[in-house]
Every structure is written in structure tokens, then in C-alpha cells.
Amino acid sequence: MSQRVTIGVKEQRRDQRRPISIEGTIGGVRVELVDLSFTGIRGGTLSLGEAAGVDLQEGQSTTLDFTGSRGEEVSLPVTIQRIDNEAGAFGAVFSELSDEDFDAIEKLMFPRRGRAVE
């Protein structure tokens, strides 16, 4: 039986990540999403919400809201998994997705390409 040897730090993810750049809000906090997969998202905080005391908390269930590429409003349920306050970064997983929610994520993962020139 051979063993696998890994040198250096290797990040292990079950799902492929897709880089994106979308501004939105999570729980009243303005955020920029930097990548996503079918299971979650990673991003950075841009500013705290308008209400005093609005902040993201690990384990918090809330919604991610943003405007899609065709101007449609998208709202996806997420649970905050980790917060890095020093870097202003966060990670969240999608939770209790409807078929429409999954379709919205699929459109972000696999955007339609322009028509082929004939």
C-alpha cells in the first residue's frame, strides 16, 4: 500500500470554486463575494449595516441578497461558518435551498457564454 505525501499547505475542498465579484448584503452587512461553489461562498465585508450593532456572527443563519446579471433580485439562505474580523473576510454555506435558489447558484457557477460566430 503506497502512501500519499503532501509537501506544503494544500487546501482541501469538496466542490470546485468559481471566482466572482458581486456586491450584496448578508444580514444587513454590505459584502463583496469573491468566490462561490454549489455549497457556499467566500467574501469580504465592505461596511456594516445602517442599524447600530449590525455585525456578522459565526453560526448565524441569514440571507445573502444581491442583484443578478439580468437585474433580478436574488435572496439565498446562508449560515455564516467563519469570520476573520482582522481581514474583513467571511465564509458561509448555503442552507435549505429551493429549486429556484439552486438555479440562481448554477447561473453564477456556469454563466452563459456569448453565441459562437458562424
C-alpha atoms as a PDB file:
ATOM      1  CA  MET A   1       0.000   0.000   0.000  1.00  0.00           C
ATOM      2  CA  SER A   2       1.521   3.321  -1.039  1.00  0.00           C
ATOM      3  CA  GLN A   3       1.134   6.481   0.971  1.00  0.00           C
ATOM      4  CA  ARG A   4       0.485   9.901  -0.455  1.00  0.00           C
ATOM      5  CA  VAL A   5       2.943  12.561   0.706  1.00  0.00           C
ATOM      6  CA  THR A   6       1.968  16.222   0.551  1.00  0.00           C
ATOM      7  CA  ILE A   7       4.566  18.948   0.877  1.00  0.00           C
ATOM      8  CA  GLY A   8       3.375  22.382   1.905  1.00  0.00           C
ATOM      9  CA  VAL A   9      -0.132  23.520   2.692  1.00  0.00           C
ATOM     10  CA  LYS A  10      -2.834  22.102   0.488  1.00  0.00           C
ATOM     11  CA  GLU A  11      -6.377  23.357   0.744  1.00  0.00           C
ATOM     12  CA  GLN A  12      -8.917  20.563   0.518  1.00  0.00           C
ATOM     13  CA  ARG A  13     -12.323  21.416  -0.917  1.00  0.00           C
ATOM     14  CA  ARG A  14     -15.052  19.038  -1.947  1.00  0.00           C
ATOM     15  CA  ASP A  15     -16.533  21.419  -4.517  1.00  0.00           C
ATOM     16  CA  GLN A  16     -14.960  23.480  -7.260  1.00  0.00           C
ATOM     17  CA  ARG A  17     -14.817  27.211  -6.514  1.00  0.00           C
ATOM     18  CA  ARG A  18     -15.591  29.852  -9.126  1.00  0.00           C
ATOM     19  CA  PRO A  19     -14.143  33.378  -8.760  1.00  0.00           C
ATOM     20  CA  ILE A  20     -16.809  36.092  -8.875  1.00  0.00           C
ATOM     21  CA  SER A  21     -17.118  39.764  -7.997  1.00  0.00           C
ATOM     22  CA  ILE A  22     -20.606  40.618  -6.779  1.00  0.00           C
ATOM     23  CA  GLU A  23     -21.665  43.179  -4.197  1.00  0.00           C
ATOM     24  CA  GLY A  24     -24.606  42.401  -1.958  1.00  0.00           C
ATOM     25  CA  THR A  25     -25.678  42.220   1.666  1.00  0.00           C
ATOM     26  CA  ILE A  26     -25.669  39.489   4.280  1.00  0.00           C
ATOM     27  CA  GLY A  27     -27.716  40.181   7.377  1.00  0.00           C
ATOM     28  CA  GLY A  28     -27.564  43.947   6.809  1.00  0.00           C
ATOM     29  CA  VAL A  29     -23.796  43.980   6.195  1.00  0.00           C
ATOM     30  CA  ARG A  30     -22.571  45.143   2.767  1.00  0.00           C
ATOM     31  CA  VAL A  31     -20.276  42.493   1.318  1.00  0.00           C
ATOM     32  CA  GLU A  32     -18.350  41.633  -1.822  1.00  0.00           C
ATOM     33  CA  LEU A  33     -18.417  37.993  -2.858  1.00  0.00           C
ATOM     34  CA  VAL A  34     -15.088  36.745  -4.198  1.00  0.00           C
ATOM     35  CA  ASP A  35     -15.804  33.090  -4.903  1.00  0.00           C
ATOM     36  CA  LEU A  36     -18.556  30.523  -4.665  1.00  0.00           C
ATOM     37  CA  SER A  37     -19.277  26.838  -5.039  1.00  0.00           C
ATOM     38  CA  PHE A  38     -22.510  24.878  -5.017  1.00  0.00           C
ATOM     39  CA  THR A  39     -22.176  24.617  -1.215  1.00  0.00           C
ATOM     40  CA  GLY A  40     -21.008  28.056  -0.133  1.00  0.00           C
ATOM     41  CA  ILE A  41     -19.419  31.450  -0.651  1.00  0.00           C
ATOM     42  CA  ARG A  42     -16.412  33.454   0.480  1.00  0.00           C
ATOM     43  CA  GLY A  43     -16.254  37.210   0.604  1.00  0.00           C
ATOM     44  CA  GLY A  44     -15.223  40.362   2.373  1.00  0.00           C
ATOM     45  CA  THR A  45     -17.180  42.941   4.328  1.00  0.00           C
ATOM     46  CA  LEU A  46     -17.487  46.388   2.737  1.00  0.00           C
ATOM     47  CA  SER A  47     -19.364  48.123   5.545  1.00  0.00           C
ATOM     48  CA  LEU A  48     -21.628  47.391   8.455  1.00  0.00           C
ATOM     49  CA  GLY A  49     -25.353  47.807   8.053  1.00  0.00           C
ATOM     50  CA  GLU A  50     -27.223  51.020   8.671  1.00  0.00           C
ATOM     51  CA  ALA A  51     -28.578  49.870  12.058  1.00  0.00           C
ATOM     52  CA  ALA A  52     -26.285  50.202  15.060  1.00  0.00           C
ATOM     53  CA  GLY A  53     -24.822  46.915  16.245  1.00  0.00           C
ATOM     54  CA  VAL A  54     -25.272  45.066  12.932  1.00  0.00           C
ATOM     55  CA  ASP A  55     -22.471  42.531  12.609  1.00  0.00           C
ATOM     56  CA  LEU A  56     -21.954  39.018  11.280  1.00  0.00           C
ATOM     57  CA  GLN A  57     -21.649  36.171  13.780  1.00  0.00           C
ATOM     58  CA  GLU A  58     -20.389  32.620  13.257  1.00  0.00           C
ATOM     59  CA  GLY A  59     -23.319  30.202  13.189  1.00  0.00           C
ATOM     60  CA  GLN A  60     -25.760  32.959  12.219  1.00  0.00           C
ATOM     61  CA  SER A  61     -28.478  31.935   9.754  1.00  0.00           C
ATOM     62  CA  THR A  62     -29.441  34.798   7.465  1.00  0.00           C
ATOM     63  CA  THR A  63     -29.815  35.643   3.784  1.00  0.00           C
ATOM     64  CA  LEU A  64     -27.460  36.741   1.063  1.00  0.00           C
ATOM     65  CA  ASP A  65     -29.129  39.357  -1.142  1.00  0.00           C
ATOM     66  CA  PHE A  66     -27.772  40.698  -4.435  1.00  0.00           C
ATOM     67  CA  THR A  67     -28.833  41.749  -7.914  1.00  0.00           C
ATOM     68  CA  GLY A  68     -28.259  39.140 -10.622  1.00  0.00           C
ATOM     69  CA  SER A  69     -26.730  39.755 -14.033  1.00  0.00           C
ATOM     70  CA  ARG A  70     -30.167  40.325 -15.612  1.00  0.00           C
ATOM     71  CA  GLY A  71     -31.310  42.772 -12.936  1.00  0.00           C
ATOM     72  CA  GLU A  72     -33.252  40.171 -10.930  1.00  0.00           C
ATOM     73  CA  GLU A  73     -33.177  40.303  -7.132  1.00  0.00           C
ATOM     74  CA  VAL A  74     -31.655  37.140  -5.647  1.00  0.00           C
ATOM     75  CA  SER A  75     -32.020  36.098  -1.992  1.00  0.00           C
ATOM     76  CA  LEU A  76     -30.274  32.911  -0.831  1.00  0.00           C
ATOM     77  CA  PRO A  77     -30.349  31.378   2.680  1.00  0.00           C
ATOM     78  CA  VAL A  78     -26.869  31.067   4.218  1.00  0.00           C
ATOM     79  CA  THR A  79     -25.234  30.165   7.520  1.00  0.00           C
ATOM     80  CA  ILE A  80     -22.056  32.040   8.467  1.00  0.00           C
ATOM     81  CA  GLN A  81     -19.283  29.478   9.025  1.00  0.00           C
ATOM     82  CA  ARG A  82     -16.287  31.663   9.817  1.00  0.00           C
ATOM     83  CA  ILE A  83     -15.407  35.307  10.345  1.00  0.00           C
ATOM     84  CA  ASP A  84     -11.965  36.910  10.123  1.00  0.00           C
ATOM     85  CA  ASN A  85     -12.538  40.388  11.539  1.00  0.00           C
ATOM     86  CA  GLU A  86      -8.922  41.455  11.034  1.00  0.00           C
ATOM     87  CA  ALA A  87      -9.045  40.681   7.305  1.00  0.00           C
ATOM     88  CA  GLY A  88     -12.712  41.694   6.976  1.00  0.00           C
ATOM     89  CA  ALA A  89     -13.455  38.290   5.435  1.00  0.00           C
ATOM     90  CA  PHE A  90     -16.125  35.634   5.931  1.00  0.00           C
ATOM     91  CA  GLY A  91     -17.214  32.229   4.693  1.00  0.00           C
ATOM     92  CA  ALA A  92     -20.772  30.931   4.567  1.00  0.00           C
ATOM     93  CA  VAL A  93     -22.606  27.815   3.420  1.00  0.00           C
ATOM     94  CA  PHE A  94     -25.935  27.698   1.628  1.00  0.00           C
ATOM     95  CA  SER A  95     -28.788  26.211   3.634  1.00  0.00           C
ATOM     96  CA  GLU A  96     -32.278  24.954   2.785  1.00  0.00           C
ATOM     97  CA  LEU A  97     -32.089  25.807  -0.908  1.00  0.00           C
ATOM     98  CA  SER A  98     -35.210  25.712  -3.039  1.00  0.00           C
ATOM     99  CA  ASP A  99     -35.040  24.666  -6.696  1.00  0.00           C
ATOM    100  CA  GLU A 100     -35.071  28.370  -7.672  1.00  0.00           C
ATOM    101  CA  ASP A 101     -32.187  29.073  -5.247  1.00  0.00           C
ATOM    102  CA  PHE A 102     -30.140  26.249  -6.763  1.00  0.00           C
ATOM    103  CA  ASP A 103     -30.873  27.571 -10.266  1.00  0.00           C
ATOM    104  CA  ALA A 104     -29.562  31.015  -9.217  1.00  0.00           C
ATOM    105  CA  ILE A 105     -26.320  29.449  -7.929  1.00  0.00           C
ATOM    106  CA  GLU A 106     -25.989  27.360 -11.085  1.00  0.00           C
ATOM    107  CA  LYS A 107     -26.254  30.522 -13.222  1.00  0.00           C
ATOM    108  CA  LEU A 108     -23.399  32.073 -11.218  1.00  0.00           C
ATOM    109  CA  MET A 109     -21.274  28.923 -11.466  1.00  0.00           C
ATOM    110  CA  PHE A 110     -21.856  28.441 -15.199  1.00  0.00           C
ATOM    111  CA  PRO A 111     -22.680  31.771 -16.856  1.00  0.00           C
ATOM    112  CA  ARG A 112     -23.917  31.618 -20.420  1.00  0.00           C
ATOM    113  CA  ARG A 113     -21.227  32.336 -22.946  1.00  0.00           C
ATOM    114  CA  GLY A 114     -21.731  34.579 -25.967  1.00  0.00           C
ATOM    115  CA  ARG A 115     -23.043  32.982 -29.114  1.00  0.00           C
ATOM    116  CA  ALA A 116     -20.498  31.347 -31.358  1.00  0.00           C
ATOM    117  CA  VAL A 117     -19.733  33.245 -34.525  1.00  0.00           C
ATOM    118  CA  GLU A 118     -20.933  31.321 -37.579  1.00  0.00           C
END
